[in-house]
Amino acid sequence: MSTGQTRRGNTRQRIQDVALELFSEHGYEKTSLREIAEKLEVTKAALYYHFKTKEDIVISLFQDLSRPCDELITWAERQPRTLETKLEVIRRYNEALRSAEPLFRFMQENQAAVRDLSIGETFKARMLTLFGLLKEDDAELTDQVRCITALFSMHAGMFAMQHVEGDPEEKRKAILEVATELVTAANPPNRRPARPDSAQTASP
């Protein structure tokens, strides 16, 4: 990668970071591109080089988040539908969320804007796909609730746990432990599909 490409990549990420910061402070609707440019100490023309509108910035953030999620879904769909695979989905999704906390905060604080930008529907579709990967087709209602709760506990945990004392990494582990317990409970041994003899432990 050339120096110019590296610089453009860094500028793009700085714009995203500053935009999220201002959206959180003032709200999406009340933040202008001019304010984002001023905070970055760049011209509006320099900002336009990367993003033409605020919507473009938010969409780019969702695309960055969706890339690891899409890779996870593609991987999971090729694996045997075993408990080991489902727990690995939870673990990898937890890792994907690690860098997405500011974006989820934006979603929570600007729910109307998220709906208007239609990115909410895209996010919802990915959640339903992950949900389908965690549950069995004939799962009882309580087990379906456990699977969907496992996913949303990971999202909600990022906000709720901000107000709980403790090391951030320990809190992340605690959230993952709860999600793991929920998925395990939703897939009791007598309801799990038989594991093919040829299937190996979920591989990277």
N, C-alpha and C. Protein backbone atom coordinates (compact mmCIF):
# COMPACT_ATOMS: atom_id res chain seq x y z
N MET A 1 0.85 -1.20 0.00
CA MET A 1 0.00 0.00 0.00
C MET A 1 0.88 1.24 0.00
N SER A 2 0.55 2.21 -0.86
CA SER A 2 1.38 3.40 -0.95
C SER A 2 1.11 4.31 0.24
N THR A 3 2.01 5.30 0.39
CA THR A 3 1.84 6.25 1.49
C THR A 3 0.55 7.02 1.33
N GLY A 4 0.22 7.39 0.05
CA GLY A 4 -1.00 8.14 -0.20
C GLY A 4 -2.22 7.35 0.20
N GLN A 5 -2.22 6.03 -0.13
CA GLN A 5 -3.36 5.20 0.22
C GLN A 5 -3.51 5.09 1.73
N THR A 6 -2.37 4.96 2.42
CA THR A 6 -2.41 4.87 3.88
C THR A 6 -2.99 6.14 4.47
N ARG A 7 -2.54 7.31 3.92
CA ARG A 7 -3.01 8.57 4.45
C ARG A 7 -4.52 8.72 4.23
N ARG A 8 -5.01 8.34 3.03
CA ARG A 8 -6.44 8.44 2.75
C ARG A 8 -7.23 7.55 3.71
N GLY A 9 -6.71 6.34 3.93
CA GLY A 9 -7.38 5.42 4.84
C GLY A 9 -7.47 5.98 6.24
N ASN A 10 -6.37 6.59 6.71
CA ASN A 10 -6.35 7.17 8.05
C ASN A 10 -7.31 8.36 8.15
N THR A 11 -7.36 9.18 7.12
CA THR A 11 -8.26 10.33 7.11
C THR A 11 -9.71 9.87 7.15
N ARG A 12 -10.02 8.85 6.38
CA ARG A 12 -11.39 8.31 6.35
C ARG A 12 -11.80 7.85 7.74
N GLN A 13 -10.91 7.16 8.44
CA GLN A 13 -11.22 6.67 9.77
C GLN A 13 -11.34 7.82 10.76
N ARG A 14 -10.50 8.83 10.62
CA ARG A 14 -10.59 10.00 11.51
C ARG A 14 -11.92 10.70 11.33
N ILE A 15 -12.37 10.82 10.09
CA ILE A 15 -13.67 11.45 9.82
C ILE A 15 -14.78 10.65 10.50
N GLN A 16 -14.73 9.33 10.37
CA GLN A 16 -15.74 8.48 11.01
C GLN A 16 -15.73 8.66 12.52
N ASP A 17 -14.55 8.65 13.12
CA ASP A 17 -14.43 8.76 14.57
C ASP A 17 -14.97 10.10 15.07
N VAL A 18 -14.57 11.17 14.40
CA VAL A 18 -15.00 12.51 14.82
C VAL A 18 -16.50 12.68 14.60
N ALA A 19 -17.00 12.17 13.48
CA ALA A 19 -18.44 12.27 13.20
C ALA A 19 -19.24 11.56 14.27
N LEU A 20 -18.82 10.36 14.65
CA LEU A 20 -19.52 9.62 15.70
C LEU A 20 -19.49 10.37 17.01
N GLU A 21 -18.35 10.98 17.30
CA GLU A 21 -18.21 11.75 18.55
C GLU A 21 -19.19 12.92 18.57
N LEU A 22 -19.27 13.64 17.45
CA LEU A 22 -20.18 14.79 17.38
C LEU A 22 -21.64 14.35 17.34
N PHE A 23 -21.92 13.25 16.65
CA PHE A 23 -23.29 12.74 16.63
C PHE A 23 -23.76 12.39 18.03
N SER A 24 -22.83 11.83 18.83
CA SER A 24 -23.17 11.45 20.20
C SER A 24 -23.37 12.67 21.08
N GLU A 25 -22.54 13.70 20.85
CA GLU A 25 -22.61 14.91 21.68
C GLU A 25 -23.84 15.76 21.34
N HIS A 26 -24.10 15.95 20.04
CA HIS A 26 -25.12 16.91 19.62
C HIS A 26 -26.32 16.27 18.92
N GLY A 27 -26.22 14.99 18.60
CA GLY A 27 -27.29 14.35 17.84
C GLY A 27 -26.99 14.40 16.36
N TYR A 28 -27.44 13.38 15.66
CA TYR A 28 -27.17 13.27 14.22
C TYR A 28 -27.74 14.46 13.45
N GLU A 29 -29.02 14.80 13.73
CA GLU A 29 -29.69 15.85 12.96
C GLU A 29 -29.05 17.22 13.17
N LYS A 30 -28.52 17.47 14.36
CA LYS A 30 -28.00 18.79 14.68
C LYS A 30 -26.52 18.96 14.33
N THR A 31 -25.91 17.92 13.83
CA THR A 31 -24.49 18.00 13.46
C THR A 31 -24.37 18.22 11.95
N SER A 32 -23.56 19.19 11.56
CA SER A 32 -23.39 19.49 10.14
C SER A 32 -22.02 19.00 9.65
N LEU A 33 -21.90 18.87 8.35
CA LEU A 33 -20.60 18.51 7.77
C LEU A 33 -19.56 19.59 8.07
N ARG A 34 -20.02 20.83 8.10
CA ARG A 34 -19.09 21.93 8.41
C ARG A 34 -18.49 21.76 9.80
N GLU A 35 -19.32 21.37 10.78
CA GLU A 35 -18.82 21.16 12.14
C GLU A 35 -17.83 19.99 12.20
N ILE A 36 -18.12 18.96 11.43
CA ILE A 36 -17.21 17.81 11.39
C ILE A 36 -15.86 18.25 10.81
N ALA A 37 -15.91 19.05 9.73
CA ALA A 37 -14.68 19.53 9.09
C ALA A 37 -13.89 20.43 10.05
N GLU A 38 -14.60 21.29 10.79
CA GLU A 38 -13.93 22.20 11.72
C GLU A 38 -13.26 21.41 12.84
N LYS A 39 -13.95 20.39 13.35
CA LYS A 39 -13.38 19.58 14.42
C LYS A 39 -12.12 18.86 13.93
N LEU A 40 -12.14 18.46 12.67
CA LEU A 40 -10.98 17.76 12.08
C LEU A 40 -9.88 18.74 11.66
N GLU A 41 -10.26 20.04 11.59
CA GLU A 41 -9.35 21.09 11.11
C GLU A 41 -8.95 20.82 9.66
N VAL A 42 -9.96 20.49 8.85
CA VAL A 42 -9.78 20.33 7.41
C VAL A 42 -10.85 21.15 6.70
N THR A 43 -10.69 21.36 5.41
CA THR A 43 -11.68 22.09 4.65
C THR A 43 -12.86 21.17 4.31
N LYS A 44 -14.01 21.78 3.99
CA LYS A 44 -15.16 20.97 3.59
C LYS A 44 -14.83 20.22 2.31
N ALA A 45 -14.01 20.81 1.45
CA ALA A 45 -13.62 20.14 0.20
C ALA A 45 -12.86 18.85 0.50
N ALA A 46 -11.98 18.91 1.51
CA ALA A 46 -11.23 17.71 1.89
C ALA A 46 -12.17 16.64 2.44
N LEU A 47 -13.18 17.08 3.17
CA LEU A 47 -14.17 16.15 3.71
C LEU A 47 -14.99 15.52 2.59
N TYR A 48 -15.40 16.38 1.61
CA TYR A 48 -16.19 15.89 0.47
C TYR A 48 -15.44 14.86 -0.35
N TYR A 49 -14.12 14.92 -0.32
CA TYR A 49 -13.33 13.94 -1.08
C TYR A 49 -13.67 12.52 -0.62
N HIS A 50 -13.95 12.38 0.66
CA HIS A 50 -14.25 11.06 1.24
C HIS A 50 -15.74 10.81 1.36
N PHE A 51 -16.48 11.83 1.83
CA PHE A 51 -17.92 11.65 2.07
C PHE A 51 -18.67 12.89 1.61
N LYS A 52 -19.73 12.66 0.83
CA LYS A 52 -20.51 13.79 0.31
C LYS A 52 -21.59 14.23 1.30
N THR A 53 -22.05 13.31 2.13
CA THR A 53 -23.13 13.63 3.07
C THR A 53 -22.87 12.94 4.41
N LYS A 54 -23.63 13.36 5.43
CA LYS A 54 -23.56 12.69 6.73
C LYS A 54 -24.01 11.24 6.59
N GLU A 55 -25.02 11.03 5.74
CA GLU A 55 -25.52 9.67 5.53
C GLU A 55 -24.42 8.76 5.01
N ASP A 56 -23.58 9.30 4.11
CA ASP A 56 -22.47 8.50 3.57
C ASP A 56 -21.53 8.05 4.69
N ILE A 57 -21.31 8.91 5.67
CA ILE A 57 -20.43 8.57 6.79
C ILE A 57 -21.02 7.42 7.59
N VAL A 58 -22.32 7.52 7.92
CA VAL A 58 -22.97 6.49 8.72
C VAL A 58 -23.02 5.17 7.96
N ILE A 59 -23.35 5.24 6.68
CA ILE A 59 -23.40 4.02 5.87
C ILE A 59 -22.04 3.34 5.83
N SER A 60 -20.98 4.14 5.72
CA SER A 60 -19.63 3.57 5.68
C SER A 60 -19.30 2.86 6.99
N LEU A 61 -19.78 3.41 8.11
CA LEU A 61 -19.55 2.79 9.42
C LEU A 61 -20.25 1.43 9.49
N PHE A 62 -21.47 1.37 8.99
CA PHE A 62 -22.21 0.11 8.98
C PHE A 62 -21.55 -0.90 8.04
N GLN A 63 -21.03 -0.42 6.93
CA GLN A 63 -20.35 -1.33 6.00
C GLN A 63 -19.10 -1.92 6.64
N ASP A 64 -18.38 -1.09 7.39
CA ASP A 64 -17.17 -1.57 8.07
C ASP A 64 -17.53 -2.62 9.12
N LEU A 65 -18.65 -2.41 9.82
CA LEU A 65 -19.10 -3.37 10.83
C LEU A 65 -19.64 -4.63 10.17
N SER A 66 -20.35 -4.45 9.05
CA SER A 66 -21.00 -5.60 8.42
C SER A 66 -20.00 -6.55 7.77
N ARG A 67 -18.83 -6.04 7.40
CA ARG A 67 -17.86 -6.91 6.72
C ARG A 67 -17.46 -8.11 7.57
N PRO A 68 -17.01 -7.91 8.83
CA PRO A 68 -16.69 -9.09 9.65
C PRO A 68 -17.92 -9.93 9.97
N CYS A 69 -19.10 -9.30 10.07
CA CYS A 69 -20.32 -10.05 10.32
C CYS A 69 -20.65 -10.94 9.13
N ASP A 70 -20.49 -10.40 7.92
CA ASP A 70 -20.77 -11.18 6.71
C ASP A 70 -19.79 -12.34 6.59
N GLU A 71 -18.53 -12.08 6.93
CA GLU A 71 -17.52 -13.15 6.88
C GLU A 71 -17.86 -14.25 7.89
N LEU A 72 -18.34 -13.83 9.07
CA LEU A 72 -18.73 -14.79 10.10
C LEU A 72 -19.91 -15.63 9.63
N ILE A 73 -20.90 -14.99 9.01
CA ILE A 73 -22.07 -15.72 8.52
C ILE A 73 -21.67 -16.72 7.44
N THR A 74 -20.82 -16.28 6.51
CA THR A 74 -20.36 -17.17 5.44
C THR A 74 -19.64 -18.38 6.02
N TRP A 75 -18.79 -18.14 7.01
CA TRP A 75 -18.06 -19.24 7.66
C TRP A 75 -19.03 -20.19 8.35
N ALA A 76 -19.97 -19.64 9.12
CA ALA A 76 -20.89 -20.47 9.92
C ALA A 76 -21.79 -21.32 9.03
N GLU A 77 -22.19 -20.79 7.88
CA GLU A 77 -23.09 -21.53 7.00
C GLU A 77 -22.41 -22.75 6.38
N ARG A 78 -21.08 -22.80 6.43
CA ARG A 78 -20.35 -23.96 5.88
C ARG A 78 -20.03 -25.00 6.94
N GLN A 79 -20.35 -24.68 8.21
CA GLN A 79 -20.00 -25.57 9.31
C GLN A 79 -21.17 -26.48 9.68
N PRO A 80 -20.89 -27.63 10.31
CA PRO A 80 -21.97 -28.47 10.83
C PRO A 80 -22.72 -27.70 11.91
N ARG A 81 -24.03 -27.91 12.00
CA ARG A 81 -24.84 -27.15 12.95
C ARG A 81 -24.75 -27.77 14.34
N THR A 82 -23.56 -27.74 14.88
CA THR A 82 -23.31 -28.31 16.21
C THR A 82 -23.26 -27.19 17.24
N LEU A 83 -23.29 -27.58 18.50
CA LEU A 83 -23.17 -26.60 19.57
C LEU A 83 -21.82 -25.89 19.49
N GLU A 84 -20.77 -26.65 19.14
CA GLU A 84 -19.44 -26.05 19.04
C GLU A 84 -19.43 -24.92 18.02
N THR A 85 -20.08 -25.14 16.87
CA THR A 85 -20.15 -24.10 15.85
C THR A 85 -20.90 -22.88 16.37
N LYS A 86 -22.01 -23.10 17.05
CA LYS A 86 -22.83 -21.99 17.55
C LYS A 86 -22.08 -21.17 18.60
N LEU A 87 -21.34 -21.85 19.44
CA LEU A 87 -20.56 -21.13 20.46
C LEU A 87 -19.42 -20.36 19.82
N GLU A 88 -18.88 -20.89 18.73
CA GLU A 88 -17.82 -20.17 18.01
C GLU A 88 -18.41 -18.93 17.32
N VAL A 89 -19.64 -19.03 16.83
CA VAL A 89 -20.32 -17.88 16.24
C VAL A 89 -20.45 -16.77 17.29
N ILE A 90 -20.87 -17.15 18.50
CA ILE A 90 -21.00 -16.17 19.58
C ILE A 90 -19.65 -15.54 19.92
N ARG A 91 -18.62 -16.37 20.00
CA ARG A 91 -17.30 -15.86 20.36
C ARG A 91 -16.78 -14.88 19.30
N ARG A 92 -16.93 -15.26 18.03
CA ARG A 92 -16.43 -14.40 16.95
C ARG A 92 -17.26 -13.12 16.83
N TYR A 93 -18.55 -13.22 17.10
CA TYR A 93 -19.39 -12.03 17.04
C TYR A 93 -19.00 -11.07 18.17
N ASN A 94 -18.67 -11.61 19.30
CA ASN A 94 -18.21 -10.80 20.42
C ASN A 94 -16.95 -10.02 20.04
N GLU A 95 -16.06 -10.67 19.30
CA GLU A 95 -14.83 -10.01 18.84
C GLU A 95 -15.16 -8.92 17.81
N ALA A 96 -16.12 -9.22 16.91
CA ALA A 96 -16.49 -8.24 15.89
C ALA A 96 -17.08 -6.98 16.52
N LEU A 97 -17.76 -7.15 17.66
CA LEU A 97 -18.38 -6.02 18.33
C LEU A 97 -17.38 -5.16 19.11
N ARG A 98 -16.20 -5.70 19.32
CA ARG A 98 -15.21 -5.02 20.15
C ARG A 98 -14.95 -3.59 19.69
N SER A 99 -14.84 -3.40 18.37
CA SER A 99 -14.53 -2.06 17.84
C SER A 99 -15.78 -1.29 17.43
N ALA A 100 -16.96 -1.87 17.71
CA ALA A 100 -18.19 -1.26 17.23
C ALA A 100 -18.98 -0.53 18.31
N GLU A 101 -18.42 -0.41 19.50
CA GLU A 101 -19.17 0.20 20.60
C GLU A 101 -19.64 1.62 20.28
N PRO A 102 -18.79 2.49 19.69
CA PRO A 102 -19.27 3.85 19.37
C PRO A 102 -20.44 3.82 18.38
N LEU A 103 -20.42 2.89 17.43
CA LEU A 103 -21.49 2.80 16.45
C LEU A 103 -22.80 2.36 17.11
N PHE A 104 -22.73 1.40 18.03
CA PHE A 104 -23.94 0.96 18.72
C PHE A 104 -24.47 2.07 19.62
N ARG A 105 -23.57 2.87 20.18
CA ARG A 105 -24.01 4.00 20.99
C ARG A 105 -24.77 5.00 20.11
N PHE A 106 -24.23 5.23 18.90
CA PHE A 106 -24.91 6.11 17.95
C PHE A 106 -26.30 5.57 17.62
N MET A 107 -26.41 4.26 17.37
CA MET A 107 -27.68 3.65 17.04
C MET A 107 -28.69 3.84 18.16
N GLN A 108 -28.23 3.68 19.39
CA GLN A 108 -29.13 3.80 20.54
C GLN A 108 -29.61 5.24 20.71
N GLU A 109 -28.70 6.20 20.52
CA GLU A 109 -29.02 7.60 20.78
C GLU A 109 -29.70 8.28 19.59
N ASN A 110 -29.66 7.66 18.42
CA ASN A 110 -30.22 8.28 17.21
C ASN A 110 -31.10 7.28 16.47
N GLN A 111 -32.02 6.66 17.20
CA GLN A 111 -32.83 5.59 16.62
C GLN A 111 -33.68 6.06 15.45
N ALA A 112 -34.22 7.27 15.54
CA ALA A 112 -35.05 7.78 14.44
C ALA A 112 -34.22 7.95 13.18
N ALA A 113 -33.00 8.48 13.33
CA ALA A 113 -32.13 8.68 12.17
C ALA A 113 -31.76 7.35 11.55
N VAL A 114 -31.50 6.36 12.39
CA VAL A 114 -31.13 5.03 11.89
C VAL A 114 -32.28 4.45 11.06
N ARG A 115 -33.51 4.63 11.54
CA ARG A 115 -34.67 4.14 10.78
C ARG A 115 -34.80 4.88 9.45
N ASP A 116 -34.63 6.19 9.49
CA ASP A 116 -34.78 7.00 8.27
C ASP A 116 -33.71 6.67 7.24
N LEU A 117 -32.53 6.28 7.70
CA LEU A 117 -31.43 5.99 6.78
C LEU A 117 -31.51 4.58 6.21
N SER A 118 -32.48 3.82 6.66
CA SER A 118 -32.74 2.45 6.18
C SER A 118 -31.65 1.45 6.58
N ILE A 119 -30.57 1.93 7.23
CA ILE A 119 -29.52 0.99 7.65
C ILE A 119 -30.01 0.11 8.78
N GLY A 120 -31.06 0.57 9.48
CA GLY A 120 -31.64 -0.24 10.54
C GLY A 120 -32.18 -1.56 10.00
N GLU A 121 -32.78 -1.53 8.81
CA GLU A 121 -33.32 -2.75 8.21
C GLU A 121 -32.20 -3.72 7.86
N THR A 122 -31.09 -3.18 7.35
CA THR A 122 -29.94 -4.02 7.00
C THR A 122 -29.38 -4.69 8.24
N PHE A 123 -29.28 -3.92 9.32
CA PHE A 123 -28.77 -4.46 10.58
C PHE A 123 -29.71 -5.54 11.10
N LYS A 124 -31.01 -5.27 11.04
CA LYS A 124 -32.01 -6.22 11.51
C LYS A 124 -31.90 -7.54 10.72
N ALA A 125 -31.69 -7.44 9.42
CA ALA A 125 -31.59 -8.65 8.58
C ALA A 125 -30.39 -9.50 8.99
N ARG A 126 -29.28 -8.85 9.32
CA ARG A 126 -28.10 -9.62 9.76
C ARG A 126 -28.35 -10.28 11.11
N MET A 127 -29.05 -9.58 11.99
CA MET A 127 -29.37 -10.17 13.29
C MET A 127 -30.24 -11.41 13.13
N LEU A 128 -31.20 -11.34 12.22
CA LEU A 128 -32.09 -12.49 11.99
C LEU A 128 -31.31 -13.67 11.39
N THR A 129 -30.33 -13.36 10.55
CA THR A 129 -29.50 -14.43 9.98
C THR A 129 -28.68 -15.10 11.06
N LEU A 130 -28.06 -14.30 11.93
CA LEU A 130 -27.28 -14.86 13.04
C LEU A 130 -28.18 -15.66 13.97
N PHE A 131 -29.37 -15.15 14.22
CA PHE A 131 -30.35 -15.85 15.05
C PHE A 131 -30.66 -17.23 14.47
N GLY A 132 -30.85 -17.27 13.16
CA GLY A 132 -31.13 -18.54 12.49
C GLY A 132 -29.98 -19.53 12.59
N LEU A 133 -28.76 -19.02 12.68
CA LEU A 133 -27.59 -19.89 12.80
C LEU A 133 -27.45 -20.46 14.21
N LEU A 134 -28.03 -19.78 15.19
CA LEU A 134 -27.90 -20.21 16.58
C LEU A 134 -28.99 -21.19 17.01
N LYS A 135 -30.16 -21.07 16.41
CA LYS A 135 -31.29 -21.91 16.85
C LYS A 135 -31.49 -23.08 15.89
N GLU A 136 -32.17 -24.09 16.39
CA GLU A 136 -32.58 -25.21 15.54
C GLU A 136 -33.90 -24.86 14.86
N ASP A 137 -34.14 -25.44 13.68
CA ASP A 137 -35.36 -25.13 12.93
C ASP A 137 -36.62 -25.45 13.72
N ASP A 138 -36.56 -26.52 14.52
CA ASP A 138 -37.74 -26.92 15.29
C ASP A 138 -37.64 -26.55 16.76
N ALA A 139 -36.83 -25.54 17.03
CA ALA A 139 -36.60 -25.14 18.43
C ALA A 139 -37.89 -24.68 19.10
N GLU A 140 -38.03 -25.04 20.36
CA GLU A 140 -39.17 -24.57 21.14
C GLU A 140 -39.05 -23.06 21.34
N LEU A 141 -40.18 -22.44 21.63
CA LEU A 141 -40.21 -20.98 21.74
C LEU A 141 -39.22 -20.46 22.79
N THR A 142 -39.16 -21.15 23.93
CA THR A 142 -38.23 -20.68 24.97
C THR A 142 -36.79 -20.75 24.50
N ASP A 143 -36.44 -21.75 23.69
CA ASP A 143 -35.08 -21.85 23.18
C ASP A 143 -34.80 -20.77 22.14
N GLN A 144 -35.82 -20.42 21.35
CA GLN A 144 -35.65 -19.33 20.40
C GLN A 144 -35.40 -18.02 21.13
N VAL A 145 -36.15 -17.83 22.23
CA VAL A 145 -35.96 -16.62 23.04
C VAL A 145 -34.54 -16.57 23.60
N ARG A 146 -34.03 -17.73 24.03
CA ARG A 146 -32.67 -17.77 24.57
C ARG A 146 -31.64 -17.34 23.50
N CYS A 147 -31.83 -17.81 22.28
CA CYS A 147 -30.87 -17.49 21.21
C CYS A 147 -30.89 -16.01 20.85
N ILE A 148 -32.09 -15.45 20.70
CA ILE A 148 -32.16 -14.03 20.34
C ILE A 148 -31.69 -13.17 21.50
N THR A 149 -31.95 -13.62 22.73
CA THR A 149 -31.49 -12.88 23.91
C THR A 149 -29.97 -12.91 24.01
N ALA A 150 -29.37 -14.02 23.60
CA ALA A 150 -27.90 -14.12 23.63
C ALA A 150 -27.29 -13.02 22.77
N LEU A 151 -27.86 -12.80 21.57
CA LEU A 151 -27.34 -11.76 20.68
C LEU A 151 -27.54 -10.37 21.27
N PHE A 152 -28.77 -10.11 21.73
CA PHE A 152 -29.05 -8.76 22.22
C PHE A 152 -28.42 -8.48 23.57
N SER A 153 -28.11 -9.53 24.33
CA SER A 153 -27.40 -9.29 25.59
C SER A 153 -26.01 -8.76 25.30
N MET A 154 -25.43 -9.17 24.17
CA MET A 154 -24.11 -8.68 23.79
C MET A 154 -24.15 -7.22 23.38
N HIS A 155 -25.27 -6.82 22.75
CA HIS A 155 -25.43 -5.42 22.38
C HIS A 155 -25.74 -4.57 23.61
N ALA A 156 -26.76 -4.99 24.35
CA ALA A 156 -27.19 -4.22 25.52
C ALA A 156 -26.08 -4.16 26.56
N GLY A 157 -25.33 -5.23 26.66
CA GLY A 157 -24.26 -5.28 27.64
C GLY A 157 -23.24 -4.18 27.47
N MET A 158 -23.02 -3.77 26.21
CA MET A 158 -22.04 -2.72 25.94
C MET A 158 -22.46 -1.40 26.56
N PHE A 159 -23.78 -1.16 26.65
CA PHE A 159 -24.27 0.09 27.23
C PHE A 159 -24.43 -0.03 28.74
N ALA A 160 -25.13 -1.08 29.16
CA ALA A 160 -25.42 -1.23 30.58
C ALA A 160 -24.16 -1.38 31.41
N MET A 161 -23.17 -2.11 30.88
CA MET A 161 -21.96 -2.38 31.64
C MET A 161 -21.04 -1.17 31.75
N GLN A 162 -21.33 -0.11 30.99
CA GLN A 162 -20.53 1.11 31.11
C GLN A 162 -20.65 1.69 32.51
N HIS A 163 -21.78 1.43 33.16
CA HIS A 163 -22.05 2.02 34.47
C HIS A 163 -21.72 1.06 35.61
N VAL A 164 -21.10 -0.06 35.25
CA VAL A 164 -20.70 -1.04 36.26
C VAL A 164 -19.18 -0.98 36.41
N GLU A 165 -18.72 -0.90 37.65
CA GLU A 165 -17.28 -0.83 37.87
C GLU A 165 -16.61 -2.13 37.46
N GLY A 166 -15.38 -2.00 36.98
CA GLY A 166 -14.63 -3.19 36.62
C GLY A 166 -13.82 -3.00 35.35
N ASP A 167 -12.92 -3.92 35.11
CA ASP A 167 -12.07 -3.89 33.93
C ASP A 167 -12.92 -4.15 32.68
N PRO A 168 -12.78 -3.33 31.61
CA PRO A 168 -13.58 -3.51 30.40
C PRO A 168 -13.45 -4.91 29.80
N GLU A 169 -12.26 -5.48 29.85
CA GLU A 169 -12.05 -6.81 29.28
C GLU A 169 -12.78 -7.87 30.11
N GLU A 170 -12.76 -7.70 31.43
CA GLU A 170 -13.47 -8.64 32.30
C GLU A 170 -14.99 -8.55 32.07
N LYS A 171 -15.47 -7.33 31.85
CA LYS A 171 -16.90 -7.15 31.59
C LYS A 171 -17.28 -7.79 30.26
N ARG A 172 -16.42 -7.65 29.26
CA ARG A 172 -16.68 -8.27 27.96
C ARG A 172 -16.74 -9.79 28.09
N LYS A 173 -15.84 -10.35 28.90
CA LYS A 173 -15.82 -11.80 29.13
C LYS A 173 -17.10 -12.25 29.83
N ALA A 174 -17.56 -11.43 30.77
CA ALA A 174 -18.78 -11.78 31.51
C ALA A 174 -19.99 -11.80 30.57
N ILE A 175 -20.06 -10.83 29.67
CA ILE A 175 -21.15 -10.78 28.70
C ILE A 175 -21.11 -12.01 27.80
N LEU A 176 -19.91 -12.37 27.34
CA LEU A 176 -19.76 -13.54 26.49
C LEU A 176 -20.15 -14.81 27.24
N GLU A 177 -19.82 -14.87 28.52
CA GLU A 177 -20.16 -16.05 29.32
C GLU A 177 -21.68 -16.22 29.42
N VAL A 178 -22.39 -15.10 29.61
CA VAL A 178 -23.85 -15.17 29.69
C VAL A 178 -24.44 -15.60 28.35
N ALA A 179 -23.94 -15.02 27.26
CA ALA A 179 -24.44 -15.38 25.93
C ALA A 179 -24.17 -16.86 25.64
N THR A 180 -23.00 -17.34 26.06
CA THR A 180 -22.64 -18.75 25.86
C THR A 180 -23.60 -19.66 26.64
N GLU A 181 -23.91 -19.28 27.87
CA GLU A 181 -24.83 -20.07 28.69
C GLU A 181 -26.21 -20.13 28.05
N LEU A 182 -26.67 -19.03 27.48
CA LEU A 182 -27.99 -18.98 26.86
C LEU A 182 -28.05 -19.89 25.63
N VAL A 183 -27.02 -19.84 24.79
CA VAL A 183 -27.01 -20.66 23.58
C VAL A 183 -26.88 -22.14 23.94
N THR A 184 -26.08 -22.44 24.96
CA THR A 184 -25.93 -23.83 25.40
C THR A 184 -27.25 -24.36 25.94
N ALA A 185 -27.95 -23.54 26.73
CA ALA A 185 -29.25 -23.95 27.27
C ALA A 185 -30.29 -24.13 26.17
N ALA A 186 -30.15 -23.37 25.09
CA ALA A 186 -31.10 -23.46 23.98
C ALA A 186 -30.85 -24.67 23.09
N ASN A 187 -29.72 -25.35 23.32
CA ASN A 187 -29.35 -26.51 22.51
C ASN A 187 -29.05 -27.70 23.42
N PRO A 188 -30.06 -28.17 24.19
CA PRO A 188 -29.84 -29.29 25.11
C PRO A 188 -29.43 -30.54 24.32
N PRO A 189 -28.65 -31.44 24.96
CA PRO A 189 -28.13 -32.62 24.27
C PRO A 189 -29.18 -33.43 23.52
N ASN A 190 -30.37 -33.57 24.12
CA ASN A 190 -31.39 -34.40 23.48
C ASN A 190 -32.01 -33.75 22.25
N ARG A 191 -31.68 -32.45 22.01
CA ARG A 191 -32.24 -31.75 20.85
C ARG A 191 -31.18 -31.40 19.82
N ARG A 192 -29.92 -31.68 20.13
CA ARG A 192 -28.85 -31.34 19.19
C ARG A 192 -28.80 -32.37 18.05
N PRO A 193 -28.49 -31.92 16.83
CA PRO A 193 -28.37 -32.85 15.72
C PRO A 193 -27.16 -33.75 15.91
N ALA A 194 -27.24 -34.96 15.40
CA ALA A 194 -26.11 -35.88 15.49
C ALA A 194 -24.92 -35.28 14.75
N ARG A 195 -23.77 -35.34 15.36
CA ARG A 195 -22.56 -34.77 14.76
C ARG A 195 -21.98 -35.77 13.75
N PRO A 196 -21.82 -35.38 12.48
CA PRO A 196 -21.25 -36.31 11.51
C PRO A 196 -19.87 -36.76 11.92
N ASP A 197 -19.58 -38.04 11.69
CA ASP A 197 -18.26 -38.56 12.07
C ASP A 197 -17.14 -37.82 11.38
N SER A 198 -17.42 -37.34 10.17
CA SER A 198 -16.37 -36.67 9.40
C SER A 198 -16.16 -35.23 9.82
N ALA A 199 -17.11 -34.69 10.62
CA ALA A 199 -16.98 -33.28 11.02
C ALA A 199 -15.87 -33.12 12.04
N GLN A 200 -15.08 -32.11 11.80
CA GLN A 200 -13.98 -31.80 12.72
C GLN A 200 -14.39 -30.62 13.59
N THR A 201 -13.64 -30.39 14.61
CA THR A 201 -13.89 -29.23 15.46
C THR A 201 -13.84 -27.99 14.60
N ALA A 202 -14.75 -27.04 14.86
CA ALA A 202 -14.83 -25.83 14.05
C ALA A 202 -13.45 -25.25 13.84
N SER A 203 -13.10 -25.05 12.59
CA SER A 203 -11.76 -24.56 12.26
C SER A 203 -11.81 -23.10 11.86
N PRO A 204 -10.69 -22.40 11.92
CA PRO A 204 -10.68 -20.97 11.58
C PRO A 204 -11.05 -20.77 10.13
